[in-house]
Amino acid sequence: MQIRVYYEDTDTGGIVYHSNYLNFCERARSQAFFDKGLMPYLEDGHFVARKIIADYFKSAKLGDVLEVKTELTQMKAASFTLKQTVYKEDEKLFELEILLAHISFEGAPKKIDKETKELILSLF
């Protein structure tokens, strides 16, 4: 997914503020659902970030066009892990590993049903 860096994404020096890379990755995950005509939520629960490992390599700047690439690296009974990488052209700027846990609306861990697993596999 492509994202343009806007003024609101940057600090006073025109450099992307560090937490906005997390927002860019979240947009890319949501966009994967929208691209299939789906909403990025489930009827029987939802996914929450359980663990995030972020690595910053270079800074993006105001006006840059970035590409967020997402790949599924692990699927478990009640969670899955994605690796998301932000590029400017062919240069890697940022990498995120995120563990997303499936929980009920009450907040308890919940097994991912077969249909949802198949959907996640098709998205990422």
PDB file of N, CA and C in Angstrom:
ATOM      1  N   MET A   1       0.847  -1.174   0.000  1.00  0.00           N
ATOM      2  CA  MET A   1       0.000   0.000   0.000  1.00  0.00           C
ATOM      3  C   MET A   1       0.890   1.233   0.000  1.00  0.00           C
ATOM      4  N   GLN A   2       0.533   2.197  -0.818  1.00  0.00           N
ATOM      5  CA  GLN A   2       1.293   3.448  -0.853  1.00  0.00           C
ATOM      6  C   GLN A   2       0.689   4.489   0.083  1.00  0.00           C
ATOM      7  N   ILE A   3       1.586   5.237   0.723  1.00  0.00           N
ATOM      8  CA  ILE A   3       1.184   6.306   1.638  1.00  0.00           C
ATOM      9  C   ILE A   3       2.064   7.516   1.356  1.00  0.00           C
ATOM     10  N   ARG A   4       1.440   8.662   1.212  1.00  0.00           N
ATOM     11  CA  ARG A   4       2.210   9.902   1.081  1.00  0.00           C
ATOM     12  C   ARG A   4       2.381  10.509   2.473  1.00  0.00           C
ATOM     13  N   VAL A   5       3.555  11.052   2.727  1.00  0.00           N
ATOM     14  CA  VAL A   5       3.831  11.703   3.997  1.00  0.00           C
ATOM     15  C   VAL A   5       3.318  13.142   3.932  1.00  0.00           C
ATOM     16  N   TYR A   6       2.396  13.463   4.829  1.00  0.00           N
ATOM     17  CA  TYR A   6       1.826  14.800   4.910  1.00  0.00           C
ATOM     18  C   TYR A   6       2.434  15.565   6.078  1.00  0.00           C
ATOM     19  N   TYR A   7       2.194  16.857   6.091  1.00  0.00           N
ATOM     20  CA  TYR A   7       2.717  17.727   7.141  1.00  0.00           C
ATOM     21  C   TYR A   7       2.359  17.201   8.529  1.00  0.00           C
ATOM     22  N   GLU A   8       1.131  16.725   8.688  1.00  0.00           N
ATOM     23  CA  GLU A   8       0.672  16.231   9.993  1.00  0.00           C
ATOM     24  C   GLU A   8       1.460  15.006  10.471  1.00  0.00           C
ATOM     25  N   ASP A   9       2.159  14.320   9.571  1.00  0.00           N
ATOM     26  CA  ASP A   9       2.940  13.135   9.913  1.00  0.00           C
ATOM     27  C   ASP A   9       4.341  13.471  10.415  1.00  0.00           C
ATOM     28  N   THR A  10       4.727  14.747  10.324  1.00  0.00           N
ATOM     29  CA  THR A  10       6.125  15.115  10.566  1.00  0.00           C
ATOM     30  C   THR A  10       6.298  16.009  11.796  1.00  0.00           C
ATOM     31  N   ASP A  11       7.567  16.119  12.196  1.00  0.00           N
ATOM     32  CA  ASP A  11       7.920  17.067  13.241  1.00  0.00           C
ATOM     33  C   ASP A  11       8.225  18.418  12.582  1.00  0.00           C
ATOM     34  N   THR A  12       8.716  19.368  13.333  1.00  0.00           N
ATOM     35  CA  THR A  12       8.953  20.709  12.782  1.00  0.00           C
ATOM     36  C   THR A  12      10.062  20.727  11.730  1.00  0.00           C
ATOM     37  N   GLY A  13      10.879  19.667  11.684  1.00  0.00           N
ATOM     38  CA  GLY A  13      11.939  19.582  10.683  1.00  0.00           C
ATOM     39  C   GLY A  13      11.527  18.855   9.418  1.00  0.00           C
ATOM     40  N   GLY A  14      10.259  18.457   9.335  1.00  0.00           N
ATOM     41  CA  GLY A  14       9.781  17.755   8.151  1.00  0.00           C
ATOM     42  C   GLY A  14      10.127  16.275   8.121  1.00  0.00           C
ATOM     43  N   ILE A  15      10.542  15.715   9.268  1.00  0.00           N
ATOM     44  CA  ILE A  15      10.886  14.300   9.395  1.00  0.00           C
ATOM     45  C   ILE A  15       9.690  13.568  10.014  1.00  0.00           C
ATOM     46  N   VAL A  16       9.362  12.378   9.482  1.00  0.00           N
ATOM     47  CA  VAL A  16       8.233  11.620  10.020  1.00  0.00           C
ATOM     48  C   VAL A  16       8.474  11.305  11.490  1.00  0.00           C
ATOM     49  N   TYR A  17       7.499  11.646  12.314  1.00  0.00           N
ATOM     50  CA  TYR A  17       7.536  11.377  13.741  1.00  0.00           C
ATOM     51  C   TYR A  17       7.495   9.857  13.956  1.00  0.00           C
ATOM     52  N   HIS A  18       8.285   9.351  14.878  1.00  0.00           N
ATOM     53  CA  HIS A  18       8.500   7.907  15.013  1.00  0.00           C
ATOM     54  C   HIS A  18       7.216   7.085  15.161  1.00  0.00           C
ATOM     55  N   SER A  19       6.240   7.556  15.911  1.00  0.00           N
ATOM     56  CA  SER A  19       5.027   6.762  16.127  1.00  0.00           C
ATOM     57  C   SER A  19       4.146   6.674  14.883  1.00  0.00           C
ATOM     58  N   ASN A  20       4.349   7.570  13.939  1.00  0.00           N
ATOM     59  CA  ASN A  20       3.521   7.533  12.733  1.00  0.00           C
ATOM     60  C   ASN A  20       3.819   6.335  11.849  1.00  0.00           C
ATOM     61  N   TYR A  21       4.994   5.725  11.984  1.00  0.00           N
ATOM     62  CA  TYR A  21       5.261   4.497  11.237  1.00  0.00           C
ATOM     63  C   TYR A  21       4.299   3.390  11.669  1.00  0.00           C
ATOM     64  N   LEU A  22       3.940   3.374  12.971  1.00  0.00           N
ATOM     65  CA  LEU A  22       2.945   2.412  13.455  1.00  0.00           C
ATOM     66  C   LEU A  22       1.597   2.685  12.802  1.00  0.00           C
ATOM     67  N   ASN A  23       1.244   3.970  12.666  1.00  0.00           N
ATOM     68  CA  ASN A  23      -0.012   4.341  12.000  1.00  0.00           C
ATOM     69  C   ASN A  23      -0.006   3.896  10.542  1.00  0.00           C
ATOM     70  N   PHE A  24       1.119   4.087   9.853  1.00  0.00           N
ATOM     71  CA  PHE A  24       1.212   3.683   8.446  1.00  0.00           C
ATOM     72  C   PHE A  24       0.970   2.179   8.317  1.00  0.00           C
ATOM     73  N   CYS A  25       1.558   1.406   9.228  1.00  0.00           N
ATOM     74  CA  CYS A  25       1.383  -0.049   9.191  1.00  0.00           C
ATOM     75  C   CYS A  25      -0.055  -0.439   9.500  1.00  0.00           C
ATOM     76  N   GLU A  26      -0.677   0.249  10.442  1.00  0.00           N
ATOM     77  CA  GLU A  26      -2.086  -0.010  10.758  1.00  0.00           C
ATOM     78  C   GLU A  26      -2.974   0.282   9.544  1.00  0.00           C
ATOM     79  N   ARG A  27      -2.709   1.374   8.866  1.00  0.00           N
ATOM     80  CA  ARG A  27      -3.481   1.699   7.658  1.00  0.00           C
ATOM     81  C   ARG A  27      -3.348   0.600   6.618  1.00  0.00           C
ATOM     82  N   ALA A  28      -2.140   0.078   6.453  1.00  0.00           N
ATOM     83  CA  ALA A  28      -1.924  -0.982   5.464  1.00  0.00           C
ATOM     84  C   ALA A  28      -2.687  -2.254   5.847  1.00  0.00           C
ATOM     85  N   ARG A  29      -2.705  -2.589   7.135  1.00  0.00           N
ATOM     86  CA  ARG A  29      -3.468  -3.771   7.569  1.00  0.00           C
ATOM     87  C   ARG A  29      -4.960  -3.563   7.314  1.00  0.00           C
ATOM     88  N   SER A  30      -5.470  -2.400   7.662  1.00  0.00           N
ATOM     89  CA  SER A  30      -6.890  -2.108   7.426  1.00  0.00           C
ATOM     90  C   SER A  30      -7.208  -2.089   5.935  1.00  0.00           C
ATOM     91  N   GLN A  31      -6.316  -1.510   5.146  1.00  0.00           N
ATOM     92  CA  GLN A  31      -6.544  -1.417   3.708  1.00  0.00           C
ATOM     93  C   GLN A  31      -6.661  -2.792   3.058  1.00  0.00           C
ATOM     94  N   ALA A  32      -5.951  -3.783   3.584  1.00  0.00           N
ATOM     95  CA  ALA A  32      -6.051  -5.140   3.047  1.00  0.00           C
ATOM     96  C   ALA A  32      -7.494  -5.640   3.130  1.00  0.00           C
ATOM     97  N   PHE A  33      -8.188  -5.319   4.216  1.00  0.00           N
ATOM     98  CA  PHE A  33      -9.599  -5.688   4.355  1.00  0.00           C
ATOM     99  C   PHE A  33     -10.464  -4.885   3.379  1.00  0.00           C
ATOM    100  N   PHE A  34     -10.234  -3.568   3.329  1.00  0.00           N
ATOM    101  CA  PHE A  34     -11.023  -2.714   2.436  1.00  0.00           C
ATOM    102  C   PHE A  34     -10.873  -3.139   0.984  1.00  0.00           C
ATOM    103  N   ASP A  35      -9.665  -3.557   0.595  1.00  0.00           N
ATOM    104  CA  ASP A  35      -9.423  -3.989  -0.784  1.00  0.00           C
ATOM    105  C   ASP A  35     -10.258  -5.206  -1.167  1.00  0.00           C
ATOM    106  N   LYS A  36     -10.651  -6.001  -0.169  1.00  0.00           N
ATOM    107  CA  LYS A  36     -11.506  -7.172  -0.415  1.00  0.00           C
ATOM    108  C   LYS A  36     -12.985  -6.849  -0.181  1.00  0.00           C
ATOM    109  N   GLY A  37     -13.292  -5.574   0.054  1.00  0.00           N
ATOM    110  CA  GLY A  37     -14.674  -5.173   0.280  1.00  0.00           C
ATOM    111  C   GLY A  37     -15.171  -5.489   1.673  1.00  0.00           C
ATOM    112  N   LEU A  38     -14.253  -5.659   2.610  1.00  0.00           N
ATOM    113  CA  LEU A  38     -14.602  -6.018   3.982  1.00  0.00           C
ATOM    114  C   LEU A  38     -14.251  -4.900   4.938  1.00  0.00           C
ATOM    115  N   MET A  39     -14.860  -4.934   6.095  1.00  0.00           N
ATOM    116  CA  MET A  39     -14.494  -4.011   7.163  1.00  0.00           C
ATOM    117  C   MET A  39     -13.435  -4.701   8.019  1.00  0.00           C
ATOM    118  N   PRO A  40     -12.484  -3.933   8.597  1.00  0.00           N
ATOM    119  CA  PRO A  40     -11.401  -4.552   9.367  1.00  0.00           C
ATOM    120  C   PRO A  40     -11.773  -4.891  10.812  1.00  0.00           C
ATOM    121  N   TYR A  41     -12.923  -5.532  10.990  1.00  0.00           N
ATOM    122  CA  TYR A  41     -13.315  -6.003  12.315  1.00  0.00           C
ATOM    123  C   TYR A  41     -14.118  -7.281  12.153  1.00  0.00           C
ATOM    124  N   LEU A  42     -14.297  -7.995  13.243  1.00  0.00           N
ATOM    125  CA  LEU A  42     -14.997  -9.270  13.222  1.00  0.00           C
ATOM    126  C   LEU A  42     -16.259  -9.174  14.058  1.00  0.00           C
ATOM    127  N   GLU A  43     -17.215 -10.051  13.763  1.00  0.00           N
ATOM    128  CA  GLU A  43     -18.477 -10.037  14.501  1.00  0.00           C
ATOM    129  C   GLU A  43     -18.371 -10.718  15.863  1.00  0.00           C
ATOM    130  N   ASP A  44     -17.370 -11.605  16.026  1.00  0.00           N
ATOM    131  CA  ASP A  44     -17.292 -12.377  17.267  1.00  0.00           C
ATOM    132  C   ASP A  44     -16.129 -11.976  18.168  1.00  0.00           C
ATOM    133  N   GLY A  45     -15.476 -10.878  17.876  1.00  0.00           N
ATOM    134  CA  GLY A  45     -14.347 -10.428  18.664  1.00  0.00           C
ATOM    135  C   GLY A  45     -13.495  -9.498  17.821  1.00  0.00           C
ATOM    136  N   HIS A  46     -12.269  -9.278  18.267  1.00  0.00           N
ATOM    137  CA  HIS A  46     -11.394  -8.421  17.487  1.00  0.00           C
ATOM    138  C   HIS A  46      -9.933  -8.772  17.771  1.00  0.00           C
ATOM    139  N   PHE A  47      -9.053  -8.183  16.972  1.00  0.00           N
ATOM    140  CA  PHE A  47      -7.627  -8.409  17.142  1.00  0.00           C
ATOM    141  C   PHE A  47      -7.005  -7.193  17.816  1.00  0.00           C
ATOM    142  N   VAL A  48      -6.109  -7.462  18.749  1.00  0.00           N
ATOM    143  CA  VAL A  48      -5.391  -6.397  19.440  1.00  0.00           C
ATOM    144  C   VAL A  48      -3.890  -6.671  19.333  1.00  0.00           C
ATOM    145  N   ALA A  49      -3.126  -5.590  19.322  1.00  0.00           N
ATOM    146  CA  ALA A  49      -1.670  -5.726  19.308  1.00  0.00           C
ATOM    147  C   ALA A  49      -1.227  -6.284  20.650  1.00  0.00           C
ATOM    148  N   ARG A  50      -0.550  -7.404  20.631  1.00  0.00           N
ATOM    149  CA  ARG A  50      -0.053  -8.061  21.852  1.00  0.00           C
ATOM    150  C   ARG A  50       1.426  -7.758  22.057  1.00  0.00           C
ATOM    151  N   LYS A  51       2.163  -7.697  20.936  1.00  0.00           N
ATOM    152  CA  LYS A  51       3.601  -7.446  21.014  1.00  0.00           C
ATOM    153  C   LYS A  51       4.045  -6.775  19.725  1.00  0.00           C
ATOM    154  N   ILE A  52       4.885  -5.761  19.875  1.00  0.00           N
ATOM    155  CA  ILE A  52       5.410  -5.037  18.712  1.00  0.00           C
ATOM    156  C   ILE A  52       6.921  -4.916  18.855  1.00  0.00           C
ATOM    157  N   ILE A  53       7.623  -5.263  17.803  1.00  0.00           N
ATOM    158  CA  ILE A  53       9.066  -5.034  17.718  1.00  0.00           C
ATOM    159  C   ILE A  53       9.273  -4.122  16.519  1.00  0.00           C
ATOM    160  N   ALA A  54       9.831  -2.941  16.760  1.00  0.00           N
ATOM    161  CA  ALA A  54      10.014  -1.946  15.698  1.00  0.00           C
ATOM    162  C   ALA A  54      11.493  -1.657  15.511  1.00  0.00           C
ATOM    163  N   ASP A  55      11.877  -1.501  14.252  1.00  0.00           N
ATOM    164  CA  ASP A  55      13.269  -1.194  13.934  1.00  0.00           C
ATOM    165  C   ASP A  55      13.278  -0.065  12.902  1.00  0.00           C
ATOM    166  N   TYR A  56      13.960   1.012  13.247  1.00  0.00           N
ATOM    167  CA  TYR A  56      14.036   2.202  12.397  1.00  0.00           C
ATOM    168  C   TYR A  56      15.392   2.235  11.697  1.00  0.00           C
ATOM    169  N   PHE A  57      15.383   2.393  10.376  1.00  0.00           N
ATOM    170  CA  PHE A  57      16.630   2.397   9.609  1.00  0.00           C
ATOM    171  C   PHE A  57      16.974   3.784   9.072  1.00  0.00           C
ATOM    172  N   LYS A  58      16.004   4.442   8.444  1.00  0.00           N
ATOM    173  CA  LYS A  58      16.199   5.787   7.894  1.00  0.00           C
ATOM    174  C   LYS A  58      14.895   6.555   8.049  1.00  0.00           C
ATOM    175  N   SER A  59      14.990   7.860   7.943  1.00  0.00           N
ATOM    176  CA  SER A  59      13.802   8.701   8.121  1.00  0.00           C
ATOM    177  C   SER A  59      13.108   9.000   6.801  1.00  0.00           C
ATOM    178  N   ALA A  60      11.783   9.022   6.866  1.00  0.00           N
ATOM    179  CA  ALA A  60      10.992   9.528   5.751  1.00  0.00           C
ATOM    180  C   ALA A  60      10.769  11.013   5.990  1.00  0.00           C
ATOM    181  N   LYS A  61      10.495  11.727   4.905  1.00  0.00           N
ATOM    182  CA  LYS A  61      10.342  13.179   4.991  1.00  0.00           C
ATOM    183  C   LYS A  61       9.033  13.627   4.344  1.00  0.00           C
ATOM    184  N   LEU A  62       8.671  14.841   4.672  1.00  0.00           N
ATOM    185  CA  LEU A  62       7.473  15.463   4.124  1.00  0.00           C
ATOM    186  C   LEU A  62       7.457  15.322   2.604  1.00  0.00           C
ATOM    187  N   GLY A  63       6.337  14.827   2.074  1.00  0.00           N
ATOM    188  CA  GLY A  63       6.162  14.678   0.636  1.00  0.00           C
ATOM    189  C   GLY A  63       6.573  13.331   0.078  1.00  0.00           C
ATOM    190  N   ASP A  64       7.328  12.534   0.849  1.00  0.00           N
ATOM    191  CA  ASP A  64       7.748  11.219   0.366  1.00  0.00           C
ATOM    192  C   ASP A  64       6.536  10.330   0.100  1.00  0.00           C
ATOM    193  N   VAL A  65       6.682   9.449  -0.870  1.00  0.00           N
ATOM    194  CA  VAL A  65       5.687   8.402  -1.121  1.00  0.00           C
ATOM    195  C   VAL A  65       6.309   7.100  -0.632  1.00  0.00           C
ATOM    196  N   LEU A  66       5.631   6.462   0.303  1.00  0.00           N
ATOM    197  CA  LEU A  66       6.130   5.254   0.940  1.00  0.00           C
ATOM    198  C   LEU A  66       5.299   4.050   0.515  1.00  0.00           C
ATOM    199  N   GLU A  67       5.922   2.892   0.557  1.00  0.00           N
ATOM    200  CA  GLU A  67       5.235   1.634   0.276  1.00  0.00           C
ATOM    201  C   GLU A  67       5.322   0.776   1.532  1.00  0.00           C
ATOM    202  N   VAL A  68       4.156   0.304   2.003  1.00  0.00           N
ATOM    203  CA  VAL A  68       4.112  -0.594   3.154  1.00  0.00           C
ATOM    204  C   VAL A  68       3.806  -1.991   2.626  1.00  0.00           C
ATOM    205  N   LYS A  69       4.735  -2.913   2.876  1.00  0.00           N
ATOM    206  CA  LYS A  69       4.558  -4.306   2.459  1.00  0.00           C
ATOM    207  C   LYS A  69       4.318  -5.142   3.701  1.00  0.00           C
ATOM    208  N   THR A  70       3.360  -6.067   3.598  1.00  0.00           N
ATOM    209  CA  THR A  70       2.940  -6.865   4.743  1.00  0.00           C
ATOM    210  C   THR A  70       2.996  -8.340   4.390  1.00  0.00           C
ATOM    211  N   GLU A  71       3.578  -9.136   5.298  1.00  0.00           N
ATOM    212  CA  GLU A  71       3.578 -10.587   5.095  1.00  0.00           C
ATOM    213  C   GLU A  71       3.254 -11.301   6.406  1.00  0.00           C
ATOM    214  N   LEU A  72       2.495 -12.362   6.278  1.00  0.00           N
ATOM    215  CA  LEU A  72       2.149 -13.208   7.422  1.00  0.00           C
ATOM    216  C   LEU A  72       3.353 -14.107   7.709  1.00  0.00           C
ATOM    217  N   THR A  73       3.824 -14.114   8.953  1.00  0.00           N
ATOM    218  CA  THR A  73       4.975 -14.953   9.296  1.00  0.00           C
ATOM    219  C   THR A  73       4.613 -16.113  10.209  1.00  0.00           C
ATOM    220  N   GLN A  74       3.476 -16.012  10.915  1.00  0.00           N
ATOM    221  CA  GLN A  74       3.079 -17.106  11.807  1.00  0.00           C
ATOM    222  C   GLN A  74       1.585 -17.036  12.082  1.00  0.00           C
ATOM    223  N   MET A  75       0.949 -18.213  12.084  1.00  0.00           N
ATOM    224  CA  MET A  75      -0.470 -18.318  12.422  1.00  0.00           C
ATOM    225  C   MET A  75      -0.593 -19.337  13.543  1.00  0.00           C
ATOM    226  N   LYS A  76      -1.239 -18.921  14.634  1.00  0.00           N
ATOM    227  CA  LYS A  76      -1.483 -19.821  15.760  1.00  0.00           C
ATOM    228  C   LYS A  76      -2.984 -19.912  15.997  1.00  0.00           C
ATOM    229  N   ALA A  77      -3.370 -20.643  17.023  1.00  0.00           N
ATOM    230  CA  ALA A  77      -4.786 -20.868  17.306  1.00  0.00           C
ATOM    231  C   ALA A  77      -5.531 -19.581  17.628  1.00  0.00           C
ATOM    232  N   ALA A  78      -4.904 -18.666  18.386  1.00  0.00           N
ATOM    233  CA  ALA A  78      -5.595 -17.448  18.808  1.00  0.00           C
ATOM    234  C   ALA A  78      -4.817 -16.182  18.476  1.00  0.00           C
ATOM    235  N   SER A  79      -3.830 -16.295  17.593  1.00  0.00           N
ATOM    236  CA  SER A  79      -3.040 -15.113  17.231  1.00  0.00           C
ATOM    237  C   SER A  79      -2.334 -15.348  15.899  1.00  0.00           C
ATOM    238  N   PHE A  80      -1.809 -14.259  15.354  1.00  0.00           N
ATOM    239  CA  PHE A  80      -0.954 -14.368  14.186  1.00  0.00           C
ATOM    240  C   PHE A  80       0.060 -13.234  14.212  1.00  0.00           C
ATOM    241  N   THR A  81       1.160 -13.430  13.496  1.00  0.00           N
ATOM    242  CA  THR A  81       2.240 -12.458  13.469  1.00  0.00           C
ATOM    243  C   THR A  81       2.448 -11.974  12.045  1.00  0.00           C
ATOM    244  N   LEU A  82       2.601 -10.664  11.909  1.00  0.00           N
ATOM    245  CA  LEU A  82       2.883 -10.043  10.617  1.00  0.00           C
ATOM    246  C   LEU A  82       4.228  -9.335  10.670  1.00  0.00           C
ATOM    247  N   LYS A  83       4.889  -9.325   9.544  1.00  0.00           N
ATOM    248  CA  LYS A  83       6.074  -8.491   9.353  1.00  0.00           C
ATOM    249  C   LYS A  83       5.676  -7.421   8.348  1.00  0.00           C
ATOM    250  N   GLN A  84       5.846  -6.165   8.751  1.00  0.00           N
ATOM    251  CA  GLN A  84       5.502  -5.048   7.876  1.00  0.00           C
ATOM    252  C   GLN A  84       6.752  -4.200   7.673  1.00  0.00           C
ATOM    253  N   THR A  85       7.006  -3.880   6.426  1.00  0.00           N
ATOM    254  CA  THR A  85       8.203  -3.122   6.077  1.00  0.00           C
ATOM    255  C   THR A  85       7.791  -1.888   5.284  1.00  0.00           C
ATOM    256  N   VAL A  86       8.354  -0.742   5.662  1.00  0.00           N
ATOM    257  CA  VAL A  86       8.080   0.521   4.985  1.00  0.00           C
ATOM    258  C   VAL A  86       9.298   0.872   4.127  1.00  0.00           C
ATOM    259  N   TYR A  87       9.028   1.104   2.851  1.00  0.00           N
ATOM    260  CA  TYR A  87      10.081   1.447   1.898  1.00  0.00           C
ATOM    261  C   TYR A  87       9.828   2.815   1.283  1.00  0.00           C
ATOM    262  N   LYS A  88      10.912   3.483   0.925  1.00  0.00           N
ATOM    263  CA  LYS A  88      10.861   4.628   0.018  1.00  0.00           C
ATOM    264  C   LYS A  88      11.637   4.170  -1.203  1.00  0.00           C
ATOM    265  N   GLU A  89      10.908   3.957  -2.295  1.00  0.00           N
ATOM    266  CA  GLU A  89      11.458   3.312  -3.483  1.00  0.00           C
ATOM    267  C   GLU A  89      12.011   1.948  -3.050  1.00  0.00           C
ATOM    268  N   ASP A  90      13.288   1.654  -3.242  1.00  0.00           N
ATOM    269  CA  ASP A  90      13.838   0.352  -2.846  1.00  0.00           C
ATOM    270  C   ASP A  90      14.561   0.389  -1.509  1.00  0.00           C
ATOM    271  N   GLU A  91      14.497   1.511  -0.813  1.00  0.00           N
ATOM    272  CA  GLU A  91      15.231   1.684   0.433  1.00  0.00           C
ATOM    273  C   GLU A  91      14.327   1.379   1.637  1.00  0.00           C
ATOM    274  N   LYS A  92      14.774   0.433   2.478  1.00  0.00           N
ATOM    275  CA  LYS A  92      14.013   0.078   3.672  1.00  0.00           C
ATOM    276  C   LYS A  92      14.202   1.153   4.732  1.00  0.00           C
ATOM    277  N   LEU A  93      13.070   1.705   5.216  1.00  0.00           N
ATOM    278  CA  LEU A  93      13.102   2.741   6.236  1.00  0.00           C
ATOM    279  C   LEU A  93      12.742   2.221   7.626  1.00  0.00           C
ATOM    280  N   PHE A  94      11.825   1.262   7.667  1.00  0.00           N
ATOM    281  CA  PHE A  94      11.247   0.842   8.941  1.00  0.00           C
ATOM    282  C   PHE A  94      10.753  -0.584   8.805  1.00  0.00           C
ATOM    283  N   GLU A  95      10.872  -1.343   9.906  1.00  0.00           N
ATOM    284  CA  GLU A  95      10.355  -2.708   9.905  1.00  0.00           C
ATOM    285  C   GLU A  95       9.646  -2.966  11.228  1.00  0.00           C
ATOM    286  N   LEU A  96       8.514  -3.614  11.135  1.00  0.00           N
ATOM    287  CA  LEU A  96       7.676  -3.890  12.295  1.00  0.00           C
ATOM    288  C   LEU A  96       7.326  -5.369  12.309  1.00  0.00           C
ATOM    289  N   GLU A  97       7.449  -5.985  13.476  1.00  0.00           N
ATOM    290  CA  GLU A  97       6.892  -7.312  13.684  1.00  0.00           C
ATOM    291  C   GLU A  97       5.802  -7.133  14.722  1.00  0.00           C
ATOM    292  N   ILE A  98       4.592  -7.562  14.368  1.00  0.00           N
ATOM    293  CA  ILE A  98       3.458  -7.357  15.278  1.00  0.00           C
ATOM    294  C   ILE A  98       2.718  -8.671  15.488  1.00  0.00           C
ATOM    295  N   LEU A  99       2.502  -8.992  16.757  1.00  0.00           N
ATOM    296  CA  LEU A  99       1.707 -10.144  17.146  1.00  0.00           C
ATOM    297  C   LEU A  99       0.306  -9.629  17.453  1.00  0.00           C
ATOM    298  N   LEU A 100      -0.672 -10.122  16.715  1.00  0.00           N
ATOM    299  CA  LEU A 100      -2.061  -9.718  16.893  1.00  0.00           C
ATOM    300  C   LEU A 100      -2.830 -10.872  17.523  1.00  0.00           C
ATOM    301  N   ALA A 101      -3.396 -10.611  18.695  1.00  0.00           N
ATOM    302  CA  ALA A 101      -4.133 -11.632  19.433  1.00  0.00           C
ATOM    303  C   ALA A 101      -5.630 -11.450  19.216  1.00  0.00           C
ATOM    304  N   HIS A 102      -6.322 -12.555  19.037  1.00  0.00           N
ATOM    305  CA  HIS A 102      -7.775 -12.543  18.878  1.00  0.00           C
ATOM    306  C   HIS A 102      -8.401 -12.637  20.263  1.00  0.00           C
ATOM    307  N   ILE A 103      -9.267 -11.687  20.578  1.00  0.00           N
ATOM    308  CA  ILE A 103      -9.939 -11.692  21.879  1.00  0.00           C
ATOM    309  C   ILE A 103     -11.436 -11.490  21.688  1.00  0.00           C
ATOM    310  N   SER A 104     -12.193 -11.949  22.666  1.00  0.00           N
ATOM    311  CA  SER A 104     -13.634 -11.723  22.676  1.00  0.00           C
ATOM    312  C   SER A 104     -13.895 -10.264  23.020  1.00  0.00           C
ATOM    313  N   PHE A 105     -15.123  -9.828  22.867  1.00  0.00           N
ATOM    314  CA  PHE A 105     -15.471  -8.450  23.225  1.00  0.00           C
ATOM    315  C   PHE A 105     -15.349  -8.212  24.734  1.00  0.00           C
ATOM    316  N   GLU A 106     -15.300  -9.302  25.495  1.00  0.00           N
ATOM    317  CA  GLU A 106     -15.109  -9.190  26.943  1.00  0.00           C
ATOM    318  C   GLU A 106     -13.626  -9.120  27.305  1.00  0.00           C
ATOM    319  N   GLY A 107     -12.743  -9.354  26.325  1.00  0.00           N
ATOM    320  CA  GLY A 107     -11.306  -9.237  26.560  1.00  0.00           C
ATOM    321  C   GLY A 107     -10.573 -10.542  26.798  1.00  0.00           C
ATOM    322  N   ALA A 108     -11.260 -11.667  26.695  1.00  0.00           N
ATOM    323  CA  ALA A 108     -10.614 -12.968  26.907  1.00  0.00           C
ATOM    324  C   ALA A 108     -10.035 -13.497  25.591  1.00  0.00           C
ATOM    325  N   PRO A 109      -8.887 -14.187  25.647  1.00  0.00           N
ATOM    326  CA  PRO A 109      -8.341 -14.788  24.427  1.00  0.00           C
ATOM    327  C   PRO A 109      -9.372 -15.723  23.791  1.00  0.00           C
ATOM    328  N   LYS A 110      -9.380 -15.734  22.472  1.00  0.00           N
ATOM    329  CA  LYS A 110     -10.382 -16.533  21.770  1.00  0.00           C
ATOM    330  C   LYS A 110      -9.749 -17.174  20.543  1.00  0.00           C
ATOM    331  N   LYS A 111     -10.034 -18.452  20.337  1.00  0.00           N
ATOM    332  CA  LYS A 111      -9.514 -19.178  19.187  1.00  0.00           C
ATOM    333  C   LYS A 111     -10.047 -18.536  17.896  1.00  0.00           C
ATOM    334  N   ILE A 112      -9.190 -18.459  16.903  1.00  0.00           N
ATOM    335  CA  ILE A 112      -9.589 -17.917  15.600  1.00  0.00           C
ATOM    336  C   ILE A 112     -10.314 -19.020  14.833  1.00  0.00           C
ATOM    337  N   ASP A 113     -11.540 -18.734  14.373  1.00  0.00           N
ATOM    338  CA  ASP A 113     -12.294 -19.750  13.651  1.00  0.00           C
ATOM    339  C   ASP A 113     -11.686 -19.991  12.259  1.00  0.00           C
ATOM    340  N   LYS A 114     -12.048 -21.110  11.664  1.00  0.00           N
ATOM    341  CA  LYS A 114     -11.477 -21.547  10.379  1.00  0.00           C
ATOM    342  C   LYS A 114     -11.693 -20.502   9.280  1.00  0.00           C
ATOM    343  N   GLU A 115     -12.882 -19.937   9.202  1.00  0.00           N
ATOM    344  CA  GLU A 115     -13.200 -18.948   8.170  1.00  0.00           C
ATOM    345  C   GLU A 115     -12.315 -17.703   8.298  1.00  0.00           C
ATOM    346  N   THR A 116     -12.106 -17.242   9.520  1.00  0.00           N
ATOM    347  CA  THR A 116     -11.264 -16.065   9.752  1.00  0.00           C
ATOM    348  C   THR A 116      -9.808 -16.372   9.430  1.00  0.00           C
ATOM    349  N   LYS A 117      -9.340 -17.570   9.787  1.00  0.00           N
ATOM    350  CA  LYS A 117      -7.971 -17.972   9.443  1.00  0.00           C
ATOM    351  C   LYS A 117      -7.774 -17.949   7.929  1.00  0.00           C
ATOM    352  N   GLU A 118      -8.741 -18.491   7.210  1.00  0.00           N
ATOM    353  CA  GLU A 118      -8.651 -18.509   5.746  1.00  0.00           C
ATOM    354  C   GLU A 118      -8.636 -17.090   5.189  1.00  0.00           C
ATOM    355  N   LEU A 119      -9.423 -16.207   5.782  1.00  0.00           N
ATOM    356  CA  LEU A 119      -9.438 -14.807   5.356  1.00  0.00           C
ATOM    357  C   LEU A 119      -8.065 -14.164   5.590  1.00  0.00           C
ATOM    358  N   ILE A 120      -7.499 -14.363   6.754  1.00  0.00           N
ATOM    359  CA  ILE A 120      -6.181 -13.779   7.068  1.00  0.00           C
ATOM    360  C   ILE A 120      -5.132 -14.308   6.095  1.00  0.00           C
ATOM    361  N   LEU A 121      -5.165 -15.611   5.836  1.00  0.00           N
ATOM    362  CA  LEU A 121      -4.208 -16.201   4.885  1.00  0.00           C
ATOM    363  C   LEU A 121      -4.371 -15.595   3.496  1.00  0.00           C
ATOM    364  N   SER A 122      -5.598 -15.282   3.108  1.00  0.00           N
ATOM    365  CA  SER A 122      -5.829 -14.697   1.779  1.00  0.00           C
ATOM    366  C   SER A 122      -5.415 -13.226   1.711  1.00  0.00           C
ATOM    367  N   LEU A 123      -5.444 -12.546   2.858  1.00  0.00           N
ATOM    368  CA  LEU A 123      -5.090 -11.122   2.891  1.00  0.00           C
ATOM    369  C   LEU A 123      -3.588 -10.889   2.915  1.00  0.00           C
ATOM    370  N   PHE A 124      -2.891 -11.740   3.657  1.00  0.00           N
ATOM    371  CA  PHE A 124      -1.476 -11.503   3.890  1.00  0.00           C
ATOM    372  C   PHE A 124      -0.652 -12.681   3.414  1.00  0.00           C
TER     373      PHE A 124
END
